[in-house]
Protein backbone atom coordinates (compact mmCIF):
# COMPACT_ATOMS: atom_id res chain seq x y z
CA MET A 1 -6.32 4.23 -51.12
CA ALA A 2 -8.79 4.58 -53.95
CA THR A 3 -11.57 4.50 -51.36
CA LEU A 4 -10.01 7.40 -49.53
CA GLN A 5 -9.91 9.40 -52.75
CA ALA A 6 -13.55 8.60 -53.52
CA ARG A 7 -14.72 9.77 -50.10
CA LEU A 8 -13.08 13.14 -50.70
CA LEU A 9 -14.46 14.07 -54.11
CA GLN A 10 -17.21 16.28 -52.72
CA ALA A 11 -15.12 17.77 -49.93
CA LEU A 12 -11.97 18.72 -51.82
CA ALA A 13 -13.31 21.64 -53.83
CA PRO A 14 -14.37 23.92 -50.94
CA VAL A 15 -11.27 23.09 -48.89
CA ALA A 16 -9.01 23.76 -51.86
CA LEU A 17 -10.67 27.15 -52.27
CA ALA A 18 -10.15 27.88 -48.59
CA ALA A 19 -6.48 26.99 -48.89
CA ALA A 20 -6.14 29.34 -51.82
CA ALA A 21 -7.78 32.09 -49.80
CA LEU A 22 -5.21 31.97 -47.01
CA PRO A 23 -2.68 34.81 -47.06
CA THR A 24 0.25 33.82 -49.26
CA SER A 25 2.37 36.96 -49.09
CA GLY A 26 4.01 35.68 -45.90
CA ALA A 27 4.47 32.11 -47.10
CA ALA A 28 7.87 32.75 -48.64
CA MET A 29 8.92 34.90 -45.67
CA ALA A 30 7.76 32.70 -42.77
CA GLN A 31 10.79 30.43 -42.87
CA SER A 32 14.41 31.54 -42.75
CA ARG A 33 15.59 28.54 -44.79
CA GLU A 34 14.24 25.99 -47.25
CA GLN A 35 15.13 22.93 -45.10
CA PHE A 36 13.01 21.64 -42.22
CA MET A 37 16.08 21.25 -39.98
CA SER A 38 19.70 22.39 -39.94
CA GLU A 39 22.69 21.48 -37.76
CA ASN A 40 23.88 25.07 -38.17
CA ASP A 41 20.75 26.65 -36.68
CA PRO A 42 21.61 27.96 -33.18
CA ARG A 43 17.89 28.03 -32.39
CA GLY A 44 17.54 24.34 -33.19
CA LEU A 45 18.83 23.27 -29.78
CA ALA A 46 16.93 20.60 -27.90
CA GLY A 47 14.51 21.83 -25.26
CA VAL A 48 14.71 21.05 -21.54
CA HIS A 49 12.95 17.71 -21.06
CA PRO A 50 14.09 15.63 -18.05
CA PRO A 51 13.88 11.85 -18.64
CA CYS A 52 10.99 9.80 -17.22
CA ARG A 53 10.80 6.30 -15.76
CA GLY A 54 8.04 4.33 -14.06
CA LYS A 55 5.28 1.73 -14.34
CA VAL A 56 2.14 2.49 -16.32
CA ASN A 57 -0.94 2.82 -14.10
CA GLN A 58 -3.49 4.22 -16.58
CA VAL A 59 -4.07 4.26 -20.34
CA LEU A 60 -6.36 6.56 -22.31
CA ASP A 61 -7.16 6.24 -26.03
CA THR A 62 -8.92 8.54 -28.46
CA VAL A 63 -9.34 8.11 -32.21
CA TYR A 64 -10.98 9.55 -35.33
CA GLU A 65 -10.96 7.03 -38.16
CA GLY A 66 -12.55 9.22 -40.83
CA VAL A 67 -11.05 11.79 -43.19
CA LYS A 68 -10.20 15.34 -42.14
CA THR A 69 -8.83 18.27 -44.10
CA THR A 70 -7.31 21.62 -43.21
CA ALA A 71 -6.55 24.67 -45.31
CA TRP A 72 -4.12 26.01 -42.68
CA ASN A 73 -0.46 26.46 -43.61
CA PHE A 74 2.43 26.67 -41.14
CA ALA A 75 3.52 29.93 -42.78
CA ALA A 76 0.53 31.73 -41.24
CA ALA A 77 0.55 32.75 -37.57
CA GLY A 78 -2.62 33.35 -35.56
CA GLY A 79 -3.83 29.76 -35.44
CA GLY A 80 -3.70 27.06 -32.77
CA GLY A 81 -1.06 25.19 -30.82
CA GLU A 82 2.16 26.49 -29.32
CA SER A 83 3.47 29.16 -31.74
CA THR A 84 -0.06 29.54 -33.28
CA ARG A 85 1.06 28.11 -36.64
CA PHE A 86 -1.46 25.25 -36.79
CA ASP A 87 -5.16 24.96 -37.58
CA LYS A 88 -7.24 26.46 -34.76
CA THR A 89 -9.23 23.22 -34.47
CA PRO A 90 -7.25 20.20 -33.18
CA VAL A 91 -7.60 16.92 -35.06
CA LEU A 92 -7.81 15.13 -31.70
CA SER A 93 -8.47 16.40 -28.18
CA THR A 94 -8.98 14.78 -24.76
CA LYS A 95 -8.59 15.59 -21.06
CA VAL A 96 -6.35 13.98 -18.46
CA THR A 97 -5.75 14.51 -14.74
CA LEU A 98 -2.07 14.11 -14.01
CA GLN A 99 -0.27 13.27 -10.76
CA ALA A 100 3.45 13.60 -10.17
CA GLY A 101 5.21 11.24 -12.57
CA CYS A 102 5.07 11.20 -16.36
CA LEU A 103 2.72 11.25 -19.33
CA ASN A 104 3.62 9.40 -22.53
CA ALA A 105 1.74 9.90 -25.80
CA HIS A 106 1.78 7.86 -29.00
CA PHE A 107 0.24 9.52 -32.06
CA SER A 108 -0.36 8.06 -35.52
CA ALA A 109 -2.24 9.07 -38.67
CA MET A 110 -2.41 8.62 -42.43
CA VAL A 111 -1.48 11.72 -44.43
CA GLY A 112 -2.16 12.43 -48.09
CA SER A 113 0.44 13.34 -50.70
CA ARG A 114 0.56 16.39 -52.94
CA GLN A 115 0.97 14.08 -55.91
CA THR A 116 -2.56 12.73 -55.40
CA TYR A 117 -4.30 15.58 -53.52
CA THR A 118 -2.88 18.47 -55.49
CA TRP A 119 -4.12 21.30 -53.24
CA VAL A 120 -2.22 20.12 -50.14
CA SER A 121 1.33 20.96 -49.08
CA ALA A 122 4.06 18.44 -49.84
CA LEU A 123 4.62 18.19 -46.07
CA THR A 124 2.12 17.66 -43.23
CA MET A 125 3.11 18.97 -39.79
CA PHE A 126 1.74 17.99 -36.36
CA GLN A 127 2.15 19.16 -32.78
CA VAL A 128 0.99 17.54 -29.50
CA THR A 129 0.42 19.89 -26.55
CA LEU A 130 -0.84 20.12 -22.99
CA THR A 131 -3.04 23.05 -21.94
CA PRO A 132 -4.05 23.58 -18.28
CA SER A 133 -7.81 23.28 -17.76
CA THR A 134 -7.64 26.46 -15.68
CA GLY A 135 -6.37 28.36 -18.70
CA GLY A 136 -3.03 29.17 -20.25
CA ALA A 137 -1.03 28.64 -23.42
CA PRO A 138 -0.51 25.22 -25.02
CA MET A 139 2.83 23.56 -24.14
CA HIS A 140 4.41 21.04 -26.50
CA MET A 141 5.51 17.67 -25.16
CA ALA A 142 9.04 16.30 -25.57
CA GLY A 143 9.56 14.67 -28.95
CA HIS A 144 9.21 17.59 -31.40
CA TYR A 145 11.78 19.44 -33.49
CA GLU A 146 11.74 22.90 -31.93
CA THR A 147 12.56 25.17 -34.89
CA PRO A 148 11.36 23.84 -38.26
CA TYR A 149 12.48 26.05 -41.14
CA GLY A 150 14.43 28.20 -38.69
CA ILE A 151 11.45 29.54 -36.74
CA TYR A 152 10.05 28.50 -33.37
CA GLY A 153 7.09 26.17 -33.82
CA PRO A 154 7.75 22.68 -32.37
CA ALA A 155 6.56 20.04 -34.84
CA ILE A 156 6.91 16.61 -36.35
CA ALA A 157 6.33 16.11 -40.07
CA GLU A 158 5.62 13.58 -42.82
CA SER A 159 5.89 13.85 -46.60
CA ALA A 160 3.76 11.20 -48.29
CA GLU A 161 5.31 9.75 -51.45
CA TYR A 162 2.14 8.60 -53.24
CA ASP A 163 -1.51 8.77 -52.17
CA VAL A 164 -1.04 8.24 -48.41
CA ASP A 165 1.71 7.38 -45.95
CA MET A 166 1.61 6.69 -42.21
CA ILE A 167 3.16 8.89 -39.53
CA ALA A 168 3.74 7.61 -36.00
CA SER A 169 5.56 9.42 -33.18
CA ASN A 170 6.11 9.20 -29.44
CA PHE A 171 6.12 12.05 -26.90
CA TYR A 172 6.45 12.42 -23.15
CA GLN A 173 6.12 15.04 -20.43
CA GLY A 174 7.38 14.93 -16.86
CA ILE A 175 4.88 15.99 -14.19
CA GLY A 176 6.19 17.75 -11.08
CA THR A 177 8.13 20.89 -10.18
CA GLY A 178 11.35 22.04 -11.77
CA PRO A 179 12.78 22.93 -15.20
CA GLY A 180 11.05 21.18 -18.08
CA LEU A 181 8.21 19.82 -15.89
CA VAL A 182 4.53 20.78 -15.66
CA PRO A 183 2.70 20.77 -12.31
CA PRO A 184 0.09 18.11 -11.45
CA GLY A 185 -3.45 18.99 -12.49
CA THR A 186 -6.04 18.58 -15.22
CA TYR A 187 -4.94 19.25 -18.79
CA ARG A 188 -6.37 19.14 -22.30
CA VAL A 189 -4.21 17.13 -24.68
CA ASP A 190 -4.48 18.40 -28.27
CA VAL A 191 -3.07 17.28 -31.60
CA TRP A 192 -2.68 20.22 -34.00
CA TRP A 193 -1.80 20.13 -37.70
CA ALA A 194 -0.99 22.25 -40.75
CA GLY A 195 0.47 22.04 -44.22
CA GLY A 196 4.20 22.74 -44.49
CA PRO A 197 5.22 26.26 -45.59
CA ILE A 198 7.24 25.43 -48.71
CA GLY A 199 4.95 25.83 -51.71
CA GLY A 200 1.84 26.56 -49.62
CA GLY A 201 -1.22 24.33 -49.29
CA GLY A 202 -3.11 22.61 -46.50
CA ALA A 203 -3.29 18.97 -45.46
CA ILE A 204 -5.47 15.89 -45.67
CA GLY A 205 -5.42 12.86 -43.41
CA ALA A 206 -7.36 9.99 -41.85
CA ASP A 207 -7.25 7.43 -39.05
CA PHE A 208 -5.95 9.79 -36.36
CA ALA A 209 -5.14 7.92 -33.12
CA LEU A 210 -3.73 9.12 -29.79
CA LYS A 211 -2.76 6.75 -26.98
CA LEU A 212 -1.80 8.17 -23.57
CA TYR A 213 0.13 6.32 -20.87
CA MET A 214 0.28 7.73 -17.33
CA TYR A 215 2.77 6.60 -14.71
């Protein structure tokens, strides 16, 4: 953990300044509540994601073991991912050609805490999407909470307690025709991220890994 801090000493200052430069007037207005999720939110219903079953026939891995930072905050629209509330540059990206069946994704990363890296948000948010190679909008895979803070922007999240904590999540997407499915074809798989909206700030992380299973 101390090593991670040492590697960031030169990088933190400019990123912290960039985080401070992001618009903050909308930060307090971007969410309709202070809690990430609520059982009383009618928009917090689960999306349409038919179940998948089959035998794995291909595996694809991609990883970045170094440190990355972002000044982007979920409160700001106009970025990347589905809902445009994430940094415009994915932390991980790869391409897959999908046949009828299913795609499973396992994502993991270390995220830094606000207690140690004082310019970041107390919460780090991620989103995993598929984007057709022929063009189109990113589409989140099953496994996200659809309406964090009462607004649409499918995400998972982690709040590190001290220095760094690990986040690990699973996702899947049915391939075919019908509600909740995407057609066969070539797609870009992206992992997007941002700092959580409460209190502002960006995010810091390391050891980003994405494992894809096709069946």
